[in-house]
Amino acid sequence: MGVDVIGLNVVVADLNAFPARLATNAAKAVKVTSQKVRDDARNRIAGHKYLPAYPYSITYDVKATAEGVEGEIGPDKGKAQGPLGNIIEYGTSKNAPIPHLGPALDANAEDLVTGIEIAIRQAMQ
């Protein structure tokens, strides 16, 4: 008595390709959410009389590492008014905080979850 298995090679090939497809799709999800957080933070801080250049200092960067994908969003200290980021977000003893990065991240957290769910679904196809 013998057993013939047909199509298993296709399943194995799909499973072997899954990590690469997932990494690519996850990077896309993190990039889209990072853009949304950046744009949201810029909108929240725009229009302040003494911070005309600050919104444009807010950038993002997406990196794929061995551990996964990470997005970094915040003011670029090399751009005009970028070094003021911590002071603006958290305030000082003489200046009230103007939260914009934290609220932007909170407002877009669900978008990242949805994006990762889509990335997983697409990687499985």
PDB file of N, CA and C in Angstrom:
ATOM      1  N   MET A   1       0.840  -1.165   0.000  1.00  0.00           N
ATOM      2  CA  MET A   1       0.000   0.000   0.000  1.00  0.00           C
ATOM      3  C   MET A   1       0.893   1.239   0.000  1.00  0.00           C
ATOM      4  N   GLY A   2       0.584   2.206  -0.838  1.00  0.00           N
ATOM      5  CA  GLY A   2       1.367   3.417  -0.935  1.00  0.00           C
ATOM      6  C   GLY A   2       0.465   4.641  -0.939  1.00  0.00           C
ATOM      7  N   VAL A   3       1.059   5.760  -0.686  1.00  0.00           N
ATOM      8  CA  VAL A   3       0.322   7.022  -0.668  1.00  0.00           C
ATOM      9  C   VAL A   3       1.013   7.973  -1.647  1.00  0.00           C
ATOM     10  N   ASP A   4       0.241   8.528  -2.534  1.00  0.00           N
ATOM     11  CA  ASP A   4       0.753   9.540  -3.450  1.00  0.00           C
ATOM     12  C   ASP A   4       0.255  10.902  -2.983  1.00  0.00           C
ATOM     13  N   VAL A   5       1.172  11.801  -2.759  1.00  0.00           N
ATOM     14  CA  VAL A   5       0.820  13.165  -2.359  1.00  0.00           C
ATOM     15  C   VAL A   5       1.109  14.063  -3.558  1.00  0.00           C
ATOM     16  N   ILE A   6       0.078  14.715  -4.026  1.00  0.00           N
ATOM     17  CA  ILE A   6       0.213  15.586  -5.196  1.00  0.00           C
ATOM     18  C   ILE A   6       0.012  17.027  -4.753  1.00  0.00           C
ATOM     19  N   GLY A   7       0.898  17.893  -5.191  1.00  0.00           N
ATOM     20  CA  GLY A   7       0.743  19.317  -4.901  1.00  0.00           C
ATOM     21  C   GLY A   7       1.452  19.783  -3.645  1.00  0.00           C
ATOM     22  N   LEU A   8       2.102  18.902  -2.924  1.00  0.00           N
ATOM     23  CA  LEU A   8       2.779  19.295  -1.698  1.00  0.00           C
ATOM     24  C   LEU A   8       3.955  20.235  -1.981  1.00  0.00           C
ATOM     25  N   ASN A   9       4.617  20.038  -3.101  1.00  0.00           N
ATOM     26  CA  ASN A   9       5.729  20.929  -3.450  1.00  0.00           C
ATOM     27  C   ASN A   9       5.267  22.371  -3.571  1.00  0.00           C
ATOM     28  N   VAL A  10       4.075  22.576  -4.079  1.00  0.00           N
ATOM     29  CA  VAL A  10       3.524  23.927  -4.212  1.00  0.00           C
ATOM     30  C   VAL A  10       3.291  24.533  -2.837  1.00  0.00           C
ATOM     31  N   VAL A  11       2.758  23.747  -1.918  1.00  0.00           N
ATOM     32  CA  VAL A  11       2.503  24.222  -0.554  1.00  0.00           C
ATOM     33  C   VAL A  11       3.824  24.578   0.128  1.00  0.00           C
ATOM     34  N   VAL A  12       4.820  23.723  -0.006  1.00  0.00           N
ATOM     35  CA  VAL A  12       6.126  23.968   0.601  1.00  0.00           C
ATOM     36  C   VAL A  12       6.751  25.241   0.013  1.00  0.00           C
ATOM     37  N   ALA A  13       6.652  25.413  -1.287  1.00  0.00           N
ATOM     38  CA  ALA A  13       7.198  26.624  -1.927  1.00  0.00           C
ATOM     39  C   ALA A  13       6.496  27.874  -1.411  1.00  0.00           C
ATOM     40  N   ASP A  14       5.169  27.793  -1.258  1.00  0.00           N
ATOM     41  CA  ASP A  14       4.415  28.934  -0.724  1.00  0.00           C
ATOM     42  C   ASP A  14       4.833  29.256   0.708  1.00  0.00           C
ATOM     43  N   LEU A  15       5.005  28.222   1.524  1.00  0.00           N
ATOM     44  CA  LEU A  15       5.421  28.445   2.911  1.00  0.00           C
ATOM     45  C   LEU A  15       6.831  29.038   2.978  1.00  0.00           C
ATOM     46  N   ASN A  16       7.705  28.626   2.077  1.00  0.00           N
ATOM     47  CA  ASN A  16       9.065  29.172   2.057  1.00  0.00           C
ATOM     48  C   ASN A  16       9.081  30.631   1.616  1.00  0.00           C
ATOM     49  N   ALA A  17       8.139  31.026   0.768  1.00  0.00           N
ATOM     50  CA  ALA A  17       8.083  32.399   0.271  1.00  0.00           C
ATOM     51  C   ALA A  17       7.353  33.323   1.245  1.00  0.00           C
ATOM     52  N   PHE A  18       6.604  32.757   2.192  1.00  0.00           N
ATOM     53  CA  PHE A  18       5.800  33.556   3.116  1.00  0.00           C
ATOM     54  C   PHE A  18       6.593  34.622   3.874  1.00  0.00           C
ATOM     55  N   PRO A  19       7.740  34.285   4.493  1.00  0.00           N
ATOM     56  CA  PRO A  19       8.466  35.320   5.262  1.00  0.00           C
ATOM     57  C   PRO A  19       8.876  36.525   4.413  1.00  0.00           C
ATOM     58  N   ALA A  20       9.337  36.290   3.195  1.00  0.00           N
ATOM     59  CA  ALA A  20       9.760  37.405   2.340  1.00  0.00           C
ATOM     60  C   ALA A  20       8.572  38.272   1.953  1.00  0.00           C
ATOM     61  N   ARG A  21       7.456  37.628   1.600  1.00  0.00           N
ATOM     62  CA  ARG A  21       6.254  38.394   1.239  1.00  0.00           C
ATOM     63  C   ARG A  21       5.740  39.169   2.441  1.00  0.00           C
ATOM     64  N   LEU A  22       5.766  38.551   3.616  1.00  0.00           N
ATOM     65  CA  LEU A  22       5.290  39.228   4.820  1.00  0.00           C
ATOM     66  C   LEU A  22       6.178  40.424   5.150  1.00  0.00           C
ATOM     67  N   ALA A  23       7.490  40.262   5.040  1.00  0.00           N
ATOM     68  CA  ALA A  23       8.407  41.373   5.337  1.00  0.00           C
ATOM     69  C   ALA A  23       8.158  42.544   4.389  1.00  0.00           C
ATOM     70  N   THR A  24       7.970  42.257   3.112  1.00  0.00           N
ATOM     71  CA  THR A  24       7.705  43.318   2.130  1.00  0.00           C
ATOM     72  C   THR A  24       6.392  44.025   2.429  1.00  0.00           C
ATOM     73  N   ASN A  25       5.360  43.249   2.702  1.00  0.00           N
ATOM     74  CA  ASN A  25       4.043  43.834   2.969  1.00  0.00           C
ATOM     75  C   ASN A  25       4.008  44.584   4.300  1.00  0.00           C
ATOM     76  N   ALA A  26       4.705  44.071   5.298  1.00  0.00           N
ATOM     77  CA  ALA A  26       4.760  44.756   6.599  1.00  0.00           C
ATOM     78  C   ALA A  26       5.485  46.085   6.456  1.00  0.00           C
ATOM     79  N   ALA A  27       6.552  46.106   5.665  1.00  0.00           N
ATOM     80  CA  ALA A  27       7.275  47.363   5.432  1.00  0.00           C
ATOM     81  C   ALA A  27       6.365  48.394   4.778  1.00  0.00           C
ATOM     82  N   LYS A  28       5.535  47.952   3.851  1.00  0.00           N
ATOM     83  CA  LYS A  28       4.578  48.863   3.209  1.00  0.00           C
ATOM     84  C   LYS A  28       3.587  49.405   4.234  1.00  0.00           C
ATOM     85  N   ALA A  29       3.091  48.535   5.106  1.00  0.00           N
ATOM     86  CA  ALA A  29       2.121  48.958   6.122  1.00  0.00           C
ATOM     87  C   ALA A  29       2.738  49.980   7.074  1.00  0.00           C
ATOM     88  N   VAL A  30       3.966  49.733   7.499  1.00  0.00           N
ATOM     89  CA  VAL A  30       4.644  50.660   8.411  1.00  0.00           C
ATOM     90  C   VAL A  30       4.913  51.987   7.706  1.00  0.00           C
ATOM     91  N   LYS A  31       5.278  51.934   6.437  1.00  0.00           N
ATOM     92  CA  LYS A  31       5.541  53.166   5.682  1.00  0.00           C
ATOM     93  C   LYS A  31       4.281  54.010   5.551  1.00  0.00           C
ATOM     94  N   VAL A  32       3.170  53.381   5.200  1.00  0.00           N
ATOM     95  CA  VAL A  32       1.909  54.124   5.041  1.00  0.00           C
ATOM     96  C   VAL A  32       1.492  54.756   6.364  1.00  0.00           C
ATOM     97  N   THR A  33       1.552  53.995   7.443  1.00  0.00           N
ATOM     98  CA  THR A  33       1.172  54.538   8.747  1.00  0.00           C
ATOM     99  C   THR A  33       2.135  55.634   9.184  1.00  0.00           C
ATOM    100  N   SER A  34       3.418  55.475   8.926  1.00  0.00           N
ATOM    101  CA  SER A  34       4.401  56.507   9.277  1.00  0.00           C
ATOM    102  C   SER A  34       4.105  57.814   8.542  1.00  0.00           C
ATOM    103  N   GLN A  35       3.740  57.710   7.280  1.00  0.00           N
ATOM    104  CA  GLN A  35       3.373  58.907   6.513  1.00  0.00           C
ATOM    105  C   GLN A  35       2.149  59.582   7.128  1.00  0.00           C
ATOM    106  N   LYS A  36       1.167  58.770   7.514  1.00  0.00           N
ATOM    107  CA  LYS A  36      -0.057  59.323   8.105  1.00  0.00           C
ATOM    108  C   LYS A  36       0.233  60.003   9.444  1.00  0.00           C
ATOM    109  N   VAL A  37       1.074  59.385  10.261  1.00  0.00           N
ATOM    110  CA  VAL A  37       1.433  59.982  11.555  1.00  0.00           C
ATOM    111  C   VAL A  37       2.178  61.291  11.331  1.00  0.00           C
ATOM    112  N   ARG A  38       3.137  61.285  10.404  1.00  0.00           N
ATOM    113  CA  ARG A  38       3.880  62.514  10.092  1.00  0.00           C
ATOM    114  C   ARG A  38       2.939  63.628   9.650  1.00  0.00           C
ATOM    115  N   ASP A  39       2.038  63.316   8.720  1.00  0.00           N
ATOM    116  CA  ASP A  39       1.118  64.329   8.206  1.00  0.00           C
ATOM    117  C   ASP A  39       0.166  64.823   9.296  1.00  0.00           C
ATOM    118  N   ASP A  40      -0.310  63.907  10.129  1.00  0.00           N
ATOM    119  CA  ASP A  40      -1.210  64.266  11.224  1.00  0.00           C
ATOM    120  C   ASP A  40      -0.486  65.188  12.215  1.00  0.00           C
ATOM    121  N   ALA A  41       0.745  64.831  12.585  1.00  0.00           N
ATOM    122  CA  ALA A  41       1.521  65.655  13.523  1.00  0.00           C
ATOM    123  C   ALA A  41       1.781  67.036  12.931  1.00  0.00           C
ATOM    124  N   ARG A  42       2.117  67.086  11.653  1.00  0.00           N
ATOM    125  CA  ARG A  42       2.341  68.379  10.994  1.00  0.00           C
ATOM    126  C   ARG A  42       1.084  69.240  11.039  1.00  0.00           C
ATOM    127  N   ASN A  43      -0.059  68.628  10.778  1.00  0.00           N
ATOM    128  CA  ASN A  43      -1.326  69.382  10.813  1.00  0.00           C
ATOM    129  C   ASN A  43      -1.648  69.881  12.215  1.00  0.00           C
ATOM    130  N   ARG A  44      -1.355  69.084  13.219  1.00  0.00           N
ATOM    131  CA  ARG A  44      -1.654  69.465  14.600  1.00  0.00           C
ATOM    132  C   ARG A  44      -0.817  70.648  15.080  1.00  0.00           C
ATOM    133  N   ILE A  45       0.391  70.788  14.547  1.00  0.00           N
ATOM    134  CA  ILE A  45       1.296  71.842  15.021  1.00  0.00           C
ATOM    135  C   ILE A  45       1.354  73.027  14.053  1.00  0.00           C
ATOM    136  N   ALA A  46       0.760  72.907  12.908  1.00  0.00           N
ATOM    137  CA  ALA A  46       0.810  73.982  11.897  1.00  0.00           C
ATOM    138  C   ALA A  46       0.085  75.232  12.397  1.00  0.00           C
ATOM    139  N   GLY A  47       0.573  76.373  11.949  1.00  0.00           N
ATOM    140  CA  GLY A  47      -0.099  77.633  12.232  1.00  0.00           C
ATOM    141  C   GLY A  47       0.358  78.356  13.473  1.00  0.00           C
ATOM    142  N   HIS A  48       1.320  77.810  14.204  1.00  0.00           N
ATOM    143  CA  HIS A  48       1.819  78.513  15.387  1.00  0.00           C
ATOM    144  C   HIS A  48       2.757  79.640  14.943  1.00  0.00           C
ATOM    145  N   LYS A  49       2.490  80.819  15.441  1.00  0.00           N
ATOM    146  CA  LYS A  49       3.197  82.021  15.017  1.00  0.00           C
ATOM    147  C   LYS A  49       4.719  81.897  15.105  1.00  0.00           C
ATOM    148  N   TYR A  50       5.226  81.317  16.180  1.00  0.00           N
ATOM    149  CA  TYR A  50       6.660  81.258  16.394  1.00  0.00           C
ATOM    150  C   TYR A  50       7.298  79.948  15.910  1.00  0.00           C
ATOM    151  N   LEU A  51       6.517  79.111  15.255  1.00  0.00           N
ATOM    152  CA  LEU A  51       7.030  77.819  14.788  1.00  0.00           C
ATOM    153  C   LEU A  51       6.726  77.600  13.303  1.00  0.00           C
ATOM    154  N   PRO A  52       7.031  78.568  12.453  1.00  0.00           N
ATOM    155  CA  PRO A  52       6.635  78.422  11.046  1.00  0.00           C
ATOM    156  C   PRO A  52       7.332  77.275  10.316  1.00  0.00           C
ATOM    157  N   ALA A  53       8.567  76.971  10.663  1.00  0.00           N
ATOM    158  CA  ALA A  53       9.316  75.928   9.962  1.00  0.00           C
ATOM    159  C   ALA A  53       9.221  74.570  10.643  1.00  0.00           C
ATOM    160  N   TYR A  54       8.795  74.563  11.894  1.00  0.00           N
ATOM    161  CA  TYR A  54       8.812  73.312  12.659  1.00  0.00           C
ATOM    162  C   TYR A  54       8.012  72.180  12.014  1.00  0.00           C
ATOM    163  N   PRO A  55       6.788  72.399  11.533  1.00  0.00           N
ATOM    164  CA  PRO A  55       6.049  71.273  10.947  1.00  0.00           C
ATOM    165  C   PRO A  55       6.819  70.571   9.821  1.00  0.00           C
ATOM    166  N   TYR A  56       7.593  71.324   9.069  1.00  0.00           N
ATOM    167  CA  TYR A  56       8.342  70.746   7.952  1.00  0.00           C
ATOM    168  C   TYR A  56       9.573  69.970   8.410  1.00  0.00           C
ATOM    169  N   SER A  57       9.925  70.104   9.673  1.00  0.00           N
ATOM    170  CA  SER A  57      11.057  69.337  10.201  1.00  0.00           C
ATOM    171  C   SER A  57      10.624  67.923  10.588  1.00  0.00           C
ATOM    172  N   ILE A  58       9.326  67.684  10.678  1.00  0.00           N
ATOM    173  CA  ILE A  58       8.832  66.362  11.069  1.00  0.00           C
ATOM    174  C   ILE A  58       8.918  65.437   9.853  1.00  0.00           C
ATOM    175  N   THR A  59       9.711  64.376  10.014  1.00  0.00           N
ATOM    176  CA  THR A  59       9.938  63.422   8.941  1.00  0.00           C
ATOM    177  C   THR A  59       9.714  62.008   9.466  1.00  0.00           C
ATOM    178  N   TYR A  60       9.895  61.049   8.600  1.00  0.00           N
ATOM    179  CA  TYR A  60       9.822  59.654   9.032  1.00  0.00           C
ATOM    180  C   TYR A  60      10.863  58.841   8.270  1.00  0.00           C
ATOM    181  N   ASP A  61      11.214  57.703   8.850  1.00  0.00           N
ATOM    182  CA  ASP A  61      12.148  56.773   8.226  1.00  0.00           C
ATOM    183  C   ASP A  61      11.684  55.365   8.572  1.00  0.00           C
ATOM    184  N   VAL A  62      11.705  54.486   7.601  1.00  0.00           N
ATOM    185  CA  VAL A  62      11.304  53.095   7.812  1.00  0.00           C
ATOM    186  C   VAL A  62      12.520  52.217   7.561  1.00  0.00           C
ATOM    187  N   LYS A  63      12.794  51.309   8.517  1.00  0.00           N
ATOM    188  CA  LYS A  63      13.937  50.408   8.402  1.00  0.00           C
ATOM    189  C   LYS A  63      13.479  48.969   8.605  1.00  0.00           C
ATOM    190  N   ALA A  64      13.986  48.089   7.764  1.00  0.00           N
ATOM    191  CA  ALA A  64      13.759  46.657   7.941  1.00  0.00           C
ATOM    192  C   ALA A  64      15.014  46.086   8.586  1.00  0.00           C
ATOM    193  N   THR A  65      14.829  45.401   9.700  1.00  0.00           N
ATOM    194  CA  THR A  65      15.953  44.788  10.403  1.00  0.00           C
ATOM    195  C   THR A  65      15.685  43.293  10.536  1.00  0.00           C
ATOM    196  N   ALA A  66      16.618  42.581  11.116  1.00  0.00           N
ATOM    197  CA  ALA A  66      16.435  41.144  11.334  1.00  0.00           C
ATOM    198  C   ALA A  66      15.268  40.873  12.281  1.00  0.00           C
ATOM    199  N   GLU A  67      14.994  41.827  13.172  1.00  0.00           N
ATOM    200  CA  GLU A  67      13.909  41.661  14.139  1.00  0.00           C
ATOM    201  C   GLU A  67      12.555  42.049  13.572  1.00  0.00           C
ATOM    202  N   GLY A  68      12.525  42.804  12.486  1.00  0.00           N
ATOM    203  CA  GLY A  68      11.258  43.236  11.912  1.00  0.00           C
ATOM    204  C   GLY A  68      11.400  44.574  11.213  1.00  0.00           C
ATOM    205  N   VAL A  69      10.302  45.300  11.186  1.00  0.00           N
ATOM    206  CA  VAL A  69      10.256  46.593  10.510  1.00  0.00           C
ATOM    207  C   VAL A  69       9.956  47.658  11.551  1.00  0.00           C
ATOM    208  N   GLU A  70      10.660  48.781  11.473  1.00  0.00           N
ATOM    209  CA  GLU A  70      10.397  49.862  12.420  1.00  0.00           C
ATOM    210  C   GLU A  70      10.263  51.181  11.672  1.00  0.00           C
ATOM    211  N   GLY A  71       9.386  52.004  12.180  1.00  0.00           N
ATOM    212  CA  GLY A  71       9.203  53.339  11.639  1.00  0.00           C
ATOM    213  C   GLY A  71       9.575  54.356  12.707  1.00  0.00           C
ATOM    214  N   GLU A  72      10.360  55.347  12.328  1.00  0.00           N
ATOM    215  CA  GLU A  72      10.749  56.411  13.251  1.00  0.00           C
ATOM    216  C   GLU A  72      10.179  57.712  12.711  1.00  0.00           C
ATOM    217  N   ILE A  73       9.360  58.376  13.519  1.00  0.00           N
ATOM    218  CA  ILE A  73       8.701  59.606  13.115  1.00  0.00           C
ATOM    219  C   ILE A  73       9.040  60.690  14.120  1.00  0.00           C
ATOM    220  N   GLY A  74       9.431  61.852  13.638  1.00  0.00           N
ATOM    221  CA  GLY A  74       9.717  62.950  14.550  1.00  0.00           C
ATOM    222  C   GLY A  74      10.490  64.047  13.859  1.00  0.00           C
ATOM    223  N   PRO A  75      10.794  65.102  14.605  1.00  0.00           N
ATOM    224  CA  PRO A  75      11.519  66.222  14.015  1.00  0.00           C
ATOM    225  C   PRO A  75      12.968  65.849  13.704  1.00  0.00           C
ATOM    226  N   ASP A  76      13.412  66.258  12.547  1.00  0.00           N
ATOM    227  CA  ASP A  76      14.798  66.072  12.130  1.00  0.00           C
ATOM    228  C   ASP A  76      15.591  67.247  12.694  1.00  0.00           C
ATOM    229  N   LYS A  77      16.510  66.964  13.598  1.00  0.00           N
ATOM    230  CA  LYS A  77      17.261  68.036  14.268  1.00  0.00           C
ATOM    231  C   LYS A  77      18.142  68.829  13.303  1.00  0.00           C
ATOM    232  N   GLY A  78      18.362  68.304  12.111  1.00  0.00           N
ATOM    233  CA  GLY A  78      19.153  69.001  11.119  1.00  0.00           C
ATOM    234  C   GLY A  78      18.354  70.000  10.295  1.00  0.00           C
ATOM    235  N   LYS A  79      17.044  70.032  10.498  1.00  0.00           N
ATOM    236  CA  LYS A  79      16.186  70.964   9.753  1.00  0.00           C
ATOM    237  C   LYS A  79      15.821  72.150  10.641  1.00  0.00           C
ATOM    238  N   ALA A  80      15.388  73.222  10.002  1.00  0.00           N
ATOM    239  CA  ALA A  80      15.016  74.436  10.737  1.00  0.00           C
ATOM    240  C   ALA A  80      13.981  74.122  11.809  1.00  0.00           C
ATOM    241  N   GLN A  81      14.227  74.540  13.005  1.00  0.00           N
ATOM    242  CA  GLN A  81      13.400  74.382  14.198  1.00  0.00           C
ATOM    243  C   GLN A  81      13.227  72.926  14.628  1.00  0.00           C
ATOM    244  N   GLY A  82      13.862  71.993  13.971  1.00  0.00           N
ATOM    245  CA  GLY A  82      13.793  70.583  14.362  1.00  0.00           C
ATOM    246  C   GLY A  82      14.271  70.304  15.773  1.00  0.00           C
ATOM    247  N   PRO A  83      15.339  70.971  16.238  1.00  0.00           N
ATOM    248  CA  PRO A  83      15.811  70.713  17.600  1.00  0.00           C
ATOM    249  C   PRO A  83      14.807  71.107  18.694  1.00  0.00           C
ATOM    250  N   LEU A  84      13.765  71.820  18.335  1.00  0.00           N
ATOM    251  CA  LEU A  84      12.767  72.237  19.329  1.00  0.00           C
ATOM    252  C   LEU A  84      11.734  71.150  19.642  1.00  0.00           C
ATOM    253  N   GLY A  85      11.818  70.011  18.972  1.00  0.00           N
ATOM    254  CA  GLY A  85      10.799  68.967  19.097  1.00  0.00           C
ATOM    255  C   GLY A  85      10.428  68.580  20.511  1.00  0.00           C
ATOM    256  N   ASN A  86      11.402  68.228  21.337  1.00  0.00           N
ATOM    257  CA  ASN A  86      11.107  67.812  22.714  1.00  0.00           C
ATOM    258  C   ASN A  86      10.490  68.944  23.520  1.00  0.00           C
ATOM    259  N   ILE A  87      10.995  70.151  23.328  1.00  0.00           N
ATOM    260  CA  ILE A  87      10.458  71.308  24.058  1.00  0.00           C
ATOM    261  C   ILE A  87       9.003  71.548  23.674  1.00  0.00           C
ATOM    262  N   ILE A  88       8.706  71.444  22.395  1.00  0.00           N
ATOM    263  CA  ILE A  88       7.336  71.680  21.921  1.00  0.00           C
ATOM    264  C   ILE A  88       6.397  70.584  22.415  1.00  0.00           C
ATOM    265  N   GLU A  89       6.803  69.351  22.275  1.00  0.00           N
ATOM    266  CA  GLU A  89       5.936  68.213  22.649  1.00  0.00           C
ATOM    267  C   GLU A  89       5.701  68.141  24.157  1.00  0.00           C
ATOM    268  N   TYR A  90       6.757  68.332  24.950  1.00  0.00           N
ATOM    269  CA  TYR A  90       6.665  68.116  26.398  1.00  0.00           C
ATOM    270  C   TYR A  90       6.662  69.392  27.229  1.00  0.00           C
ATOM    271  N   GLY A  91       7.026  70.531  26.621  1.00  0.00           N
ATOM    272  CA  GLY A  91       7.043  71.795  27.342  1.00  0.00           C
ATOM    273  C   GLY A  91       8.253  71.949  28.234  1.00  0.00           C
ATOM    274  N   THR A  92       8.313  73.082  28.893  1.00  0.00           N
ATOM    275  CA  THR A  92       9.379  73.376  29.854  1.00  0.00           C
ATOM    276  C   THR A  92       8.720  74.008  31.069  1.00  0.00           C
ATOM    277  N   SER A  93       9.517  74.438  32.017  1.00  0.00           N
ATOM    278  CA  SER A  93       8.957  75.101  33.195  1.00  0.00           C
ATOM    279  C   SER A  93       8.333  76.443  32.816  1.00  0.00           C
ATOM    280  N   LYS A  94       8.705  76.987  31.660  1.00  0.00           N
ATOM    281  CA  LYS A  94       8.181  78.293  31.239  1.00  0.00           C
ATOM    282  C   LYS A  94       7.252  78.221  30.031  1.00  0.00           C
ATOM    283  N   ASN A  95       7.194  77.070  29.370  1.00  0.00           N
ATOM    284  CA  ASN A  95       6.357  76.919  28.183  1.00  0.00           C
ATOM    285  C   ASN A  95       5.478  75.684  28.316  1.00  0.00           C
ATOM    286  N   ALA A  96       4.207  75.853  28.070  1.00  0.00           N
ATOM    287  CA  ALA A  96       3.280  74.724  28.119  1.00  0.00           C
ATOM    288  C   ALA A  96       3.561  73.776  26.956  1.00  0.00           C
ATOM    289  N   PRO A  97       3.332  72.499  27.148  1.00  0.00           N
ATOM    290  CA  PRO A  97       3.534  71.560  26.042  1.00  0.00           C
ATOM    291  C   PRO A  97       2.473  71.752  24.959  1.00  0.00           C
ATOM    292  N   ILE A  98       2.854  71.412  23.755  1.00  0.00           N
ATOM    293  CA  ILE A  98       1.907  71.381  22.635  1.00  0.00           C
ATOM    294  C   ILE A  98       1.993  69.969  22.058  1.00  0.00           C
ATOM    295  N   PRO A  99       1.265  69.028  22.661  1.00  0.00           N
ATOM    296  CA  PRO A  99       1.333  67.645  22.179  1.00  0.00           C
ATOM    297  C   PRO A  99       0.841  67.549  20.736  1.00  0.00           C
ATOM    298  N   HIS A 100       1.648  66.922  19.899  1.00  0.00           N
ATOM    299  CA  HIS A 100       1.268  66.740  18.502  1.00  0.00           C
ATOM    300  C   HIS A 100       1.758  65.393  17.976  1.00  0.00           C
ATOM    301  N   LEU A 101       2.939  64.972  18.378  1.00  0.00           N
ATOM    302  CA  LEU A 101       3.447  63.682  17.918  1.00  0.00           C
ATOM    303  C   LEU A 101       2.741  62.514  18.616  1.00  0.00           C
ATOM    304  N   GLY A 102       2.640  62.582  19.927  1.00  0.00           N
ATOM    305  CA  GLY A 102       1.949  61.521  20.671  1.00  0.00           C
ATOM    306  C   GLY A 102       0.499  61.347  20.235  1.00  0.00           C
ATOM    307  N   PRO A 103      -0.271  62.450  20.177  1.00  0.00           N
ATOM    308  CA  PRO A 103      -1.656  62.311  19.722  1.00  0.00           C
ATOM    309  C   PRO A 103      -1.775  61.805  18.277  1.00  0.00           C
ATOM    310  N   ALA A 104      -0.833  62.202  17.419  1.00  0.00           N
ATOM    311  CA  ALA A 104      -0.868  61.723  16.028  1.00  0.00           C
ATOM    312  C   ALA A 104      -0.614  60.218  15.982  1.00  0.00           C
ATOM    313  N   LEU A 105       0.312  59.745  16.799  1.00  0.00           N
ATOM    314  CA  LEU A 105       0.585  58.312  16.856  1.00  0.00           C
ATOM    315  C   LEU A 105      -0.621  57.558  17.391  1.00  0.00           C
ATOM    316  N   ASP A 106      -1.214  58.061  18.462  1.00  0.00           N
ATOM    317  CA  ASP A 106      -2.401  57.420  19.032  1.00  0.00           C
ATOM    318  C   ASP A 106      -3.541  57.355  18.021  1.00  0.00           C
ATOM    319  N   ALA A 107      -3.735  58.440  17.280  1.00  0.00           N
ATOM    320  CA  ALA A 107      -4.840  58.507  16.323  1.00  0.00           C
ATOM    321  C   ALA A 107      -4.661  57.540  15.154  1.00  0.00           C
ATOM    322  N   ASN A 108      -3.426  57.132  14.883  1.00  0.00           N
ATOM    323  CA  ASN A 108      -3.163  56.274  13.729  1.00  0.00           C
ATOM    324  C   ASN A 108      -2.753  54.854  14.099  1.00  0.00           C
ATOM    325  N   ALA A 109      -2.816  54.514  15.363  1.00  0.00           N
ATOM    326  CA  ALA A 109      -2.400  53.175  15.809  1.00  0.00           C
ATOM    327  C   ALA A 109      -3.259  52.084  15.179  1.00  0.00           C
ATOM    328  N   GLU A 110      -4.543  52.312  15.102  1.00  0.00           N
ATOM    329  CA  GLU A 110      -5.438  51.303  14.524  1.00  0.00           C
ATOM    330  C   GLU A 110      -5.139  51.083  13.042  1.00  0.00           C
ATOM    331  N   ASP A 111      -4.690  52.136  12.359  1.00  0.00           N
ATOM    332  CA  ASP A 111      -4.323  52.009  10.949  1.00  0.00           C
ATOM    333  C   ASP A 111      -3.161  51.032  10.786  1.00  0.00           C
ATOM    334  N   LEU A 112      -2.203  51.070  11.703  1.00  0.00           N
ATOM    335  CA  LEU A 112      -1.079  50.139  11.632  1.00  0.00           C
ATOM    336  C   LEU A 112      -1.548  48.706  11.847  1.00  0.00           C
ATOM    337  N   VAL A 113      -2.415  48.500  12.812  1.00  0.00           N
ATOM    338  CA  VAL A 113      -2.946  47.160  13.067  1.00  0.00           C
ATOM    339  C   VAL A 113      -3.650  46.630  11.814  1.00  0.00           C
ATOM    340  N   THR A 114      -4.475  47.469  11.212  1.00  0.00           N
ATOM    341  CA  THR A 114      -5.180  47.071   9.995  1.00  0.00           C
ATOM    342  C   THR A 114      -4.191  46.768   8.875  1.00  0.00           C
ATOM    343  N   GLY A 115      -3.166  47.604   8.732  1.00  0.00           N
ATOM    344  CA  GLY A 115      -2.163  47.387   7.695  1.00  0.00           C
ATOM    345  C   GLY A 115      -1.406  46.084   7.877  1.00  0.00           C
ATOM    346  N   ILE A 116      -1.075  45.742   9.107  1.00  0.00           N
ATOM    347  CA  ILE A 116      -0.366  44.482   9.371  1.00  0.00           C
ATOM    348  C   ILE A 116      -1.291  43.291   9.104  1.00  0.00           C
ATOM    349  N   GLU A 117      -2.555  43.414   9.463  1.00  0.00           N
ATOM    350  CA  GLU A 117      -3.514  42.341   9.157  1.00  0.00           C
ATOM    351  C   GLU A 117      -3.604  42.113   7.655  1.00  0.00           C
ATOM    352  N   ILE A 118      -3.650  43.190   6.892  1.00  0.00           N
ATOM    353  CA  ILE A 118      -3.691  43.078   5.427  1.00  0.00           C
ATOM    354  C   ILE A 118      -2.393  42.459   4.917  1.00  0.00           C
ATOM    355  N   ALA A 119      -1.260  42.873   5.482  1.00  0.00           N
ATOM    356  CA  ALA A 119       0.031  42.327   5.065  1.00  0.00           C
ATOM    357  C   ALA A 119       0.088  40.813   5.277  1.00  0.00           C
ATOM    358  N   ILE A 120      -0.426  40.357   6.388  1.00  0.00           N
ATOM    359  CA  ILE A 120      -0.434  38.919   6.678  1.00  0.00           C
ATOM    360  C   ILE A 120      -1.342  38.188   5.691  1.00  0.00           C
ATOM    361  N   ARG A 121      -2.530  38.735   5.481  1.00  0.00           N
ATOM    362  CA  ARG A 121      -3.475  38.117   4.547  1.00  0.00           C
ATOM    363  C   ARG A 121      -2.888  38.014   3.141  1.00  0.00           C
ATOM    364  N   GLN A 122      -2.266  39.102   2.690  1.00  0.00           N
ATOM    365  CA  GLN A 122      -1.676  39.104   1.335  1.00  0.00           C
ATOM    366  C   GLN A 122      -0.478  38.158   1.247  1.00  0.00           C
ATOM    367  N   ALA A 123       0.297  38.052   2.299  1.00  0.00           N
ATOM    368  CA  ALA A 123       1.453  37.155   2.287  1.00  0.00           C
ATOM    369  C   ALA A 123       1.016  35.700   2.224  1.00  0.00           C
ATOM    370  N   MET A 124      -0.174  35.402   2.726  1.00  0.00           N
ATOM    371  CA  MET A 124      -0.685  34.027   2.729  1.00  0.00           C
ATOM    372  C   MET A 124      -1.304  33.641   1.395  1.00  0.00           C
ATOM    373  N   GLN A 125      -1.542  34.597   0.519  1.00  0.00           N
ATOM    374  CA  GLN A 125      -2.191  34.276  -0.758  1.00  0.00           C
ATOM    375  C   GLN A 125      -1.220  33.690  -1.740  1.00  0.00           C
TER     376      GLN A 125
END
